[in-house]
Amino acid sequence: MTALQATCLIVVAVLGALVVATRDPLRQAAVAGIFGLALAALFLSVQAPDVALSEMTVGTIVIPVLVLLAMAKIREHDE
């Protein structure tokens, strides 16, 4: 394991704990997007560019956007 891989693994672990510890859904969506980007960097460091590209698309863009859309729909329904 190289120093880059170890660093990426530590960053992913810390960000994963932050995602779980964050209670506000809006902030959690933002932290989850950053976590997805860090996970993509980890996949790139272990030479899996196809998985990294998929993770960047899904983890960094799609999931936070879907969470934000769901939150907007819930707020709209509550009003």
PDB file of N, CA and C in Angstrom:
ATOM      1  N   MET A   1       0.847  -1.169   0.000  1.00  0.00           N
ATOM      2  CA  MET A   1       0.000   0.000   0.000  1.00  0.00           C
ATOM      3  C   MET A   1       0.898   1.240   0.000  1.00  0.00           C
ATOM      4  N   THR A   2       0.620   2.136  -0.893  1.00  0.00           N
ATOM      5  CA  THR A   2       1.412   3.356  -0.995  1.00  0.00           C
ATOM      6  C   THR A   2       0.907   4.403  -0.010  1.00  0.00           C
ATOM      7  N   ALA A   3       1.683   5.465   0.135  1.00  0.00           N
ATOM      8  CA  ALA A   3       1.294   6.553   1.030  1.00  0.00           C
ATOM      9  C   ALA A   3       0.034   7.248   0.521  1.00  0.00           C
ATOM     10  N   LEU A   4      -0.109   7.373  -0.797  1.00  0.00           N
ATOM     11  CA  LEU A   4      -1.304   7.999  -1.373  1.00  0.00           C
ATOM     12  C   LEU A   4      -2.543   7.177  -1.060  1.00  0.00           C
ATOM     13  N   GLN A   5      -2.453   5.871  -1.196  1.00  0.00           N
ATOM     14  CA  GLN A   5      -3.595   5.009  -0.906  1.00  0.00           C
ATOM     15  C   GLN A   5      -3.966   5.067   0.572  1.00  0.00           C
ATOM     16  N   ALA A   6      -2.962   5.066   1.433  1.00  0.00           N
ATOM     17  CA  ALA A   6      -3.227   5.143   2.875  1.00  0.00           C
ATOM     18  C   ALA A   6      -3.880   6.466   3.246  1.00  0.00           C
ATOM     19  N   THR A   7      -3.401   7.547   2.641  1.00  0.00           N
ATOM     20  CA  THR A   7      -3.983   8.862   2.895  1.00  0.00           C
ATOM     21  C   THR A   7      -5.430   8.918   2.425  1.00  0.00           C
ATOM     22  N   CYS A   8      -5.678   8.409   1.233  1.00  0.00           N
ATOM     23  CA  CYS A   8      -7.049   8.386   0.705  1.00  0.00           C
ATOM     24  C   CYS A   8      -7.959   7.554   1.591  1.00  0.00           C
ATOM     25  N   LEU A   9      -7.462   6.435   2.085  1.00  0.00           N
ATOM     26  CA  LEU A   9      -8.255   5.576   2.948  1.00  0.00           C
ATOM     27  C   LEU A   9      -8.602   6.272   4.264  1.00  0.00           C
ATOM     28  N   ILE A  10      -7.656   6.995   4.822  1.00  0.00           N
ATOM     29  CA  ILE A  10      -7.911   7.733   6.064  1.00  0.00           C
ATOM     30  C   ILE A  10      -8.932   8.842   5.833  1.00  0.00           C
ATOM     31  N   VAL A  11      -8.787   9.557   4.722  1.00  0.00           N
ATOM     32  CA  VAL A  11      -9.731  10.638   4.399  1.00  0.00           C
ATOM     33  C   VAL A  11     -11.137  10.076   4.213  1.00  0.00           C
ATOM     34  N   VAL A  12     -11.251   8.948   3.521  1.00  0.00           N
ATOM     35  CA  VAL A  12     -12.562   8.325   3.312  1.00  0.00           C
ATOM     36  C   VAL A  12     -13.161   7.894   4.651  1.00  0.00           C
ATOM     37  N   ALA A  13     -12.355   7.349   5.537  1.00  0.00           N
ATOM     38  CA  ALA A  13     -12.857   6.925   6.849  1.00  0.00           C
ATOM     39  C   ALA A  13     -13.360   8.111   7.669  1.00  0.00           C
ATOM     40  N   VAL A  14     -12.604   9.202   7.661  1.00  0.00           N
ATOM     41  CA  VAL A  14     -13.003  10.389   8.424  1.00  0.00           C
ATOM     42  C   VAL A  14     -14.281  10.992   7.840  1.00  0.00           C
ATOM     43  N   LEU A  15     -14.348  11.098   6.513  1.00  0.00           N
ATOM     44  CA  LEU A  15     -15.541  11.671   5.888  1.00  0.00           C
ATOM     45  C   LEU A  15     -16.753  10.766   6.067  1.00  0.00           C
ATOM     46  N   GLY A  16     -16.559   9.467   6.053  1.00  0.00           N
ATOM     47  CA  GLY A  16     -17.666   8.550   6.306  1.00  0.00           C
ATOM     48  C   GLY A  16     -18.230   8.738   7.699  1.00  0.00           C
ATOM     49  N   ALA A  17     -17.347   8.937   8.679  1.00  0.00           N
ATOM     50  CA  ALA A  17     -17.803   9.200  10.044  1.00  0.00           C
ATOM     51  C   ALA A  17     -18.528  10.541  10.132  1.00  0.00           C
ATOM     52  N   LEU A  18     -18.058  11.535   9.372  1.00  0.00           N
ATOM     53  CA  LEU A  18     -18.730  12.838   9.361  1.00  0.00           C
ATOM     54  C   LEU A  18     -20.114  12.754   8.748  1.00  0.00           C
ATOM     55  N   VAL A  19     -20.275  11.950   7.707  1.00  0.00           N
ATOM     56  CA  VAL A  19     -21.594  11.785   7.094  1.00  0.00           C
ATOM     57  C   VAL A  19     -22.569  11.207   8.105  1.00  0.00           C
ATOM     58  N   VAL A  20     -22.118  10.210   8.849  1.00  0.00           N
ATOM     59  CA  VAL A  20     -22.983   9.580   9.839  1.00  0.00           C
ATOM     60  C   VAL A  20     -23.274  10.528  11.006  1.00  0.00           C
ATOM     61  N   ALA A  21     -22.295  11.322  11.408  1.00  0.00           N
ATOM     62  CA  ALA A  21     -22.452  12.201  12.565  1.00  0.00           C
ATOM     63  C   ALA A  21     -23.255  13.463  12.264  1.00  0.00           C
ATOM     64  N   THR A  22     -23.380  13.836  11.005  1.00  0.00           N
ATOM     65  CA  THR A  22     -24.106  15.052  10.642  1.00  0.00           C
ATOM     66  C   THR A  22     -25.606  14.801  10.754  1.00  0.00           C
ATOM     67  N   ARG A  23     -26.305  15.663  11.463  1.00  0.00           N
ATOM     68  CA  ARG A  23     -27.736  15.468  11.707  1.00  0.00           C
ATOM     69  C   ARG A  23     -28.632  16.276  10.758  1.00  0.00           C
ATOM     70  N   ASP A  24     -28.182  17.442  10.322  1.00  0.00           N
ATOM     71  CA  ASP A  24     -28.987  18.271   9.426  1.00  0.00           C
ATOM     72  C   ASP A  24     -28.963  17.673   8.024  1.00  0.00           C
ATOM     73  N   PRO A  25     -30.138  17.378   7.443  1.00  0.00           N
ATOM     74  CA  PRO A  25     -30.161  16.717   6.122  1.00  0.00           C
ATOM     75  C   PRO A  25     -29.480  17.515   5.006  1.00  0.00           C
ATOM     76  N   LEU A  26     -29.583  18.825   5.042  1.00  0.00           N
ATOM     77  CA  LEU A  26     -28.940  19.639   4.015  1.00  0.00           C
ATOM     78  C   LEU A  26     -27.426  19.538   4.108  1.00  0.00           C
ATOM     79  N   ARG A  27     -26.905  19.642   5.306  1.00  0.00           N
ATOM     80  CA  ARG A  27     -25.456  19.507   5.494  1.00  0.00           C
ATOM     81  C   ARG A  27     -25.000  18.079   5.211  1.00  0.00           C
ATOM     82  N   GLN A  28     -25.842  17.124   5.559  1.00  0.00           N
ATOM     83  CA  GLN A  28     -25.482  15.732   5.316  1.00  0.00           C
ATOM     84  C   GLN A  28     -25.382  15.452   3.817  1.00  0.00           C
ATOM     85  N   ALA A  29     -26.242  16.056   3.021  1.00  0.00           N
ATOM     86  CA  ALA A  29     -26.162  15.886   1.571  1.00  0.00           C
ATOM     87  C   ALA A  29     -24.858  16.471   1.035  1.00  0.00           C
ATOM     88  N   ALA A  30     -24.446  17.618   1.568  1.00  0.00           N
ATOM     89  CA  ALA A  30     -23.194  18.236   1.134  1.00  0.00           C
ATOM     90  C   ALA A  30     -21.993  17.382   1.536  1.00  0.00           C
ATOM     91  N   VAL A  31     -21.996  16.892   2.763  1.00  0.00           N
ATOM     92  CA  VAL A  31     -20.885  16.060   3.229  1.00  0.00           C
ATOM     93  C   VAL A  31     -20.856  14.739   2.465  1.00  0.00           C
ATOM     94  N   ALA A  32     -22.027  14.198   2.129  1.00  0.00           N
ATOM     95  CA  ALA A  32     -22.084  12.961   1.347  1.00  0.00           C
ATOM     96  C   ALA A  32     -21.497  13.165  -0.049  1.00  0.00           C
ATOM     97  N   GLY A  33     -21.712  14.350  -0.634  1.00  0.00           N
ATOM     98  CA  GLY A  33     -21.105  14.651  -1.923  1.00  0.00           C
ATOM     99  C   GLY A  33     -19.592  14.713  -1.848  1.00  0.00           C
ATOM    100  N   ILE A  34     -19.087  15.315  -0.800  1.00  0.00           N
ATOM    101  CA  ILE A  34     -17.631  15.373  -0.598  1.00  0.00           C
ATOM    102  C   ILE A  34     -17.079  13.971  -0.343  1.00  0.00           C
ATOM    103  N   PHE A  35     -17.832  13.168   0.417  1.00  0.00           N
ATOM    104  CA  PHE A  35     -17.438  11.782   0.669  1.00  0.00           C
ATOM    105  C   PHE A  35     -17.357  10.998  -0.644  1.00  0.00           C
ATOM    106  N   GLY A  36     -18.312  11.215  -1.541  1.00  0.00           N
ATOM    107  CA  GLY A  36     -18.284  10.542  -2.839  1.00  0.00           C
ATOM    108  C   GLY A  36     -17.060  10.920  -3.656  1.00  0.00           C
ATOM    109  N   LEU A  37     -16.667  12.178  -3.576  1.00  0.00           N
ATOM    110  CA  LEU A  37     -15.476  12.630  -4.288  1.00  0.00           C
ATOM    111  C   LEU A  37     -14.215  11.993  -3.700  1.00  0.00           C
ATOM    112  N   ALA A  38     -14.151  11.902  -2.372  1.00  0.00           N
ATOM    113  CA  ALA A  38     -13.002  11.263  -1.732  1.00  0.00           C
ATOM    114  C   ALA A  38     -12.951   9.773  -2.061  1.00  0.00           C
ATOM    115  N   LEU A  39     -14.108   9.137  -2.120  1.00  0.00           N
ATOM    116  CA  LEU A  39     -14.158   7.719  -2.474  1.00  0.00           C
ATOM    117  C   LEU A  39     -13.702   7.505  -3.913  1.00  0.00           C
ATOM    118  N   ALA A  40     -14.063   8.422  -4.797  1.00  0.00           N
ATOM    119  CA  ALA A  40     -13.592   8.338  -6.182  1.00  0.00           C
ATOM    120  C   ALA A  40     -12.075   8.490  -6.248  1.00  0.00           C
ATOM    121  N   ALA A  41     -11.515   9.379  -5.427  1.00  0.00           N
ATOM    122  CA  ALA A  41     -10.057   9.528  -5.378  1.00  0.00           C
ATOM    123  C   ALA A  41      -9.398   8.247  -4.874  1.00  0.00           C
ATOM    124  N   LEU A  42     -10.026   7.591  -3.899  1.00  0.00           N
ATOM    125  CA  LEU A  42      -9.498   6.316  -3.410  1.00  0.00           C
ATOM    126  C   LEU A  42      -9.515   5.269  -4.519  1.00  0.00           C
ATOM    127  N   PHE A  43     -10.599   5.210  -5.271  1.00  0.00           N
ATOM    128  CA  PHE A  43     -10.675   4.246  -6.369  1.00  0.00           C
ATOM    129  C   PHE A  43      -9.630   4.543  -7.439  1.00  0.00           C
ATOM    130  N   LEU A  44      -9.387   5.817  -7.698  1.00  0.00           N
ATOM    131  CA  LEU A  44      -8.333   6.170  -8.658  1.00  0.00           C
ATOM    132  C   LEU A  44      -6.956   5.763  -8.145  1.00  0.00           C
ATOM    133  N   SER A  45      -6.742   5.890  -6.847  1.00  0.00           N
ATOM    134  CA  SER A  45      -5.428   5.551  -6.301  1.00  0.00           C
ATOM    135  C   SER A  45      -5.151   4.048  -6.330  1.00  0.00           C
ATOM    136  N   VAL A  46      -6.202   3.240  -6.347  1.00  0.00           N
ATOM    137  CA  VAL A  46      -6.010   1.790  -6.458  1.00  0.00           C
ATOM    138  C   VAL A  46      -6.200   1.318  -7.903  1.00  0.00           C
ATOM    139  N   GLN A  47      -6.131   2.253  -8.830  1.00  0.00           N
ATOM    140  CA  GLN A  47      -6.154   2.005 -10.271  1.00  0.00           C
ATOM    141  C   GLN A  47      -7.439   1.332 -10.744  1.00  0.00           C
ATOM    142  N   ALA A  48      -8.571   1.920 -10.343  1.00  0.00           N
ATOM    143  CA  ALA A  48      -9.882   1.473 -10.817  1.00  0.00           C
ATOM    144  C   ALA A  48     -10.619   2.684 -11.385  1.00  0.00           C
ATOM    145  N   PRO A  49     -10.190   3.182 -12.559  1.00  0.00           N
ATOM    146  CA  PRO A  49     -10.771   4.419 -13.079  1.00  0.00           C
ATOM    147  C   PRO A  49     -12.243   4.289 -13.473  1.00  0.00           C
ATOM    148  N   ASP A  50     -12.672   3.100 -13.914  1.00  0.00           N
ATOM    149  CA  ASP A  50     -14.071   2.939 -14.286  1.00  0.00           C
ATOM    150  C   ASP A  50     -14.987   3.031 -13.066  1.00  0.00           C
ATOM    151  N   VAL A  51     -14.564   2.438 -11.963  1.00  0.00           N
ATOM    152  CA  VAL A  51     -15.341   2.522 -10.726  1.00  0.00           C
ATOM    153  C   VAL A  51     -15.301   3.948 -10.183  1.00  0.00           C
ATOM    154  N   ALA A  52     -14.167   4.620 -10.310  1.00  0.00           N
ATOM    155  CA  ALA A  52     -14.040   6.007  -9.847  1.00  0.00           C
ATOM    156  C   ALA A  52     -14.973   6.920 -10.626  1.00  0.00           C
ATOM    157  N   LEU A  53     -15.079   6.718 -11.921  1.00  0.00           N
ATOM    158  CA  LEU A  53     -15.968   7.541 -12.735  1.00  0.00           C
ATOM    159  C   LEU A  53     -17.427   7.318 -12.349  1.00  0.00           C
ATOM    160  N   SER A  54     -17.785   6.073 -12.130  1.00  0.00           N
ATOM    161  CA  SER A  54     -19.151   5.772 -11.689  1.00  0.00           C
ATOM    162  C   SER A  54     -19.430   6.389 -10.325  1.00  0.00           C
ATOM    163  N   GLU A  55     -18.481   6.299  -9.417  1.00  0.00           N
ATOM    164  CA  GLU A  55     -18.654   6.866  -8.078  1.00  0.00           C
ATOM    165  C   GLU A  55     -18.764   8.378  -8.139  1.00  0.00           C
ATOM    166  N   MET A  56     -17.981   9.022  -9.004  1.00  0.00           N
ATOM    167  CA  MET A  56     -18.083  10.470  -9.132  1.00  0.00           C
ATOM    168  C   MET A  56     -19.465  10.869  -9.620  1.00  0.00           C
ATOM    169  N   THR A  57     -19.989  10.114 -10.562  1.00  0.00           N
ATOM    170  CA  THR A  57     -21.306  10.438 -11.105  1.00  0.00           C
ATOM    171  C   THR A  57     -22.400  10.211 -10.071  1.00  0.00           C
ATOM    172  N   VAL A  58     -22.408   9.039  -9.475  1.00  0.00           N
ATOM    173  CA  VAL A  58     -23.491   8.686  -8.556  1.00  0.00           C
ATOM    174  C   VAL A  58     -23.298   9.319  -7.188  1.00  0.00           C
ATOM    175  N   GLY A  59     -22.134   9.129  -6.588  1.00  0.00           N
ATOM    176  CA  GLY A  59     -21.920   9.571  -5.218  1.00  0.00           C
ATOM    177  C   GLY A  59     -21.763  11.065  -5.043  1.00  0.00           C
ATOM    178  N   THR A  60     -21.221  11.727  -6.042  1.00  0.00           N
ATOM    179  CA  THR A  60     -20.959  13.155  -5.908  1.00  0.00           C
ATOM    180  C   THR A  60     -22.093  14.013  -6.451  1.00  0.00           C
ATOM    181  N   ILE A  61     -22.810  13.515  -7.465  1.00  0.00           N
ATOM    182  CA  ILE A  61     -23.824  14.339  -8.111  1.00  0.00           C
ATOM    183  C   ILE A  61     -25.241  13.816  -7.858  1.00  0.00           C
ATOM    184  N   VAL A  62     -25.506  12.574  -8.206  1.00  0.00           N
ATOM    185  CA  VAL A  62     -26.870  12.063  -8.227  1.00  0.00           C
ATOM    186  C   VAL A  62     -27.479  11.970  -6.827  1.00  0.00           C
ATOM    187  N   ILE A  63     -26.783  11.345  -5.892  1.00  0.00           N
ATOM    188  CA  ILE A  63     -27.367  11.143  -4.561  1.00  0.00           C
ATOM    189  C   ILE A  63     -27.633  12.469  -3.845  1.00  0.00           C
ATOM    190  N   PRO A  64     -26.680  13.413  -3.784  1.00  0.00           N
ATOM    191  CA  PRO A  64     -27.023  14.692  -3.130  1.00  0.00           C
ATOM    192  C   PRO A  64     -28.170  15.436  -3.816  1.00  0.00           C
ATOM    193  N   VAL A  65     -28.233  15.388  -5.132  1.00  0.00           N
ATOM    194  CA  VAL A  65     -29.328  16.062  -5.839  1.00  0.00           C
ATOM    195  C   VAL A  65     -30.665  15.401  -5.515  1.00  0.00           C
ATOM    196  N   LEU A  66     -30.706  14.074  -5.474  1.00  0.00           N
ATOM    197  CA  LEU A  66     -31.943  13.385  -5.132  1.00  0.00           C
ATOM    198  C   LEU A  66     -32.368  13.677  -3.696  1.00  0.00           C
ATOM    199  N   VAL A  67     -31.423  13.758  -2.788  1.00  0.00           N
ATOM    200  CA  VAL A  67     -31.752  14.098  -1.399  1.00  0.00           C
ATOM    201  C   VAL A  67     -32.328  15.512  -1.329  1.00  0.00           C
ATOM    202  N   LEU A  68     -31.716  16.447  -2.034  1.00  0.00           N
ATOM    203  CA  LEU A  68     -32.218  17.821  -2.031  1.00  0.00           C
ATOM    204  C   LEU A  68     -33.596  17.923  -2.666  1.00  0.00           C
ATOM    205  N   LEU A  69     -33.834  17.189  -3.745  1.00  0.00           N
ATOM    206  CA  LEU A  69     -35.157  17.192  -4.364  1.00  0.00           C
ATOM    207  C   LEU A  69     -36.210  16.585  -3.445  1.00  0.00           C
ATOM    208  N   ALA A  70     -35.849  15.517  -2.748  1.00  0.00           N
ATOM    209  CA  ALA A  70     -36.786  14.910  -1.807  1.00  0.00           C
ATOM    210  C   ALA A  70     -37.102  15.867  -0.665  1.00  0.00           C
ATOM    211  N   MET A  71     -36.087  16.573  -0.172  1.00  0.00           N
ATOM    212  CA  MET A  71     -36.322  17.541   0.897  1.00  0.00           C
ATOM    213  C   MET A  71     -37.227  18.669   0.435  1.00  0.00           C
ATOM    214  N   ALA A  72     -37.035  19.124  -0.792  1.00  0.00           N
ATOM    215  CA  ALA A  72     -37.890  20.189  -1.332  1.00  0.00           C
ATOM    216  C   ALA A  72     -39.329  19.704  -1.473  1.00  0.00           C
ATOM    217  N   LYS A  73     -39.505  18.468  -1.903  1.00  0.00           N
ATOM    218  CA  LYS A  73     -40.848  17.911  -2.062  1.00  0.00           C
ATOM    219  C   LYS A  73     -41.536  17.754  -0.706  1.00  0.00           C
ATOM    220  N   ILE A  74     -40.782  17.344   0.311  1.00  0.00           N
ATOM    221  CA  ILE A  74     -41.357  17.199   1.656  1.00  0.00           C
ATOM    222  C   ILE A  74     -41.770  18.561   2.205  1.00  0.00           C
ATOM    223  N   ARG A  75     -40.926  19.551   2.028  1.00  0.00           N
ATOM    224  CA  ARG A  75     -41.257  20.903   2.507  1.00  0.00           C
ATOM    225  C   ARG A  75     -42.459  21.461   1.765  1.00  0.00           C
ATOM    226  N   GLU A  76     -42.544  21.175   0.471  1.00  0.00           N
ATOM    227  CA  GLU A  76     -43.685  21.643  -0.323  1.00  0.00           C
ATOM    228  C   GLU A  76     -44.968  20.974   0.174  1.00  0.00           C
ATOM    229  N   HIS A  77     -44.888  19.711   0.494  1.00  0.00           N
ATOM    230  CA  HIS A  77     -46.053  18.969   0.963  1.00  0.00           C
ATOM    231  C   HIS A  77     -46.494  19.444   2.350  1.00  0.00           C
ATOM    232  N   ASP A  78     -45.546  19.816   3.210  1.00  0.00           N
ATOM    233  CA  ASP A  78     -45.875  20.278   4.557  1.00  0.00           C
ATOM    234  C   ASP A  78     -46.571  21.630   4.557  1.00  0.00           C
ATOM    235  N   GLU A  79     -46.318  22.437   3.543  1.00  0.00           N
ATOM    236  CA  GLU A  79     -46.942  23.767   3.476  1.00  0.00           C
ATOM    237  C   GLU A  79     -48.337  23.612   2.966  1.00  0.00           C
TER     238      GLU A  79
END
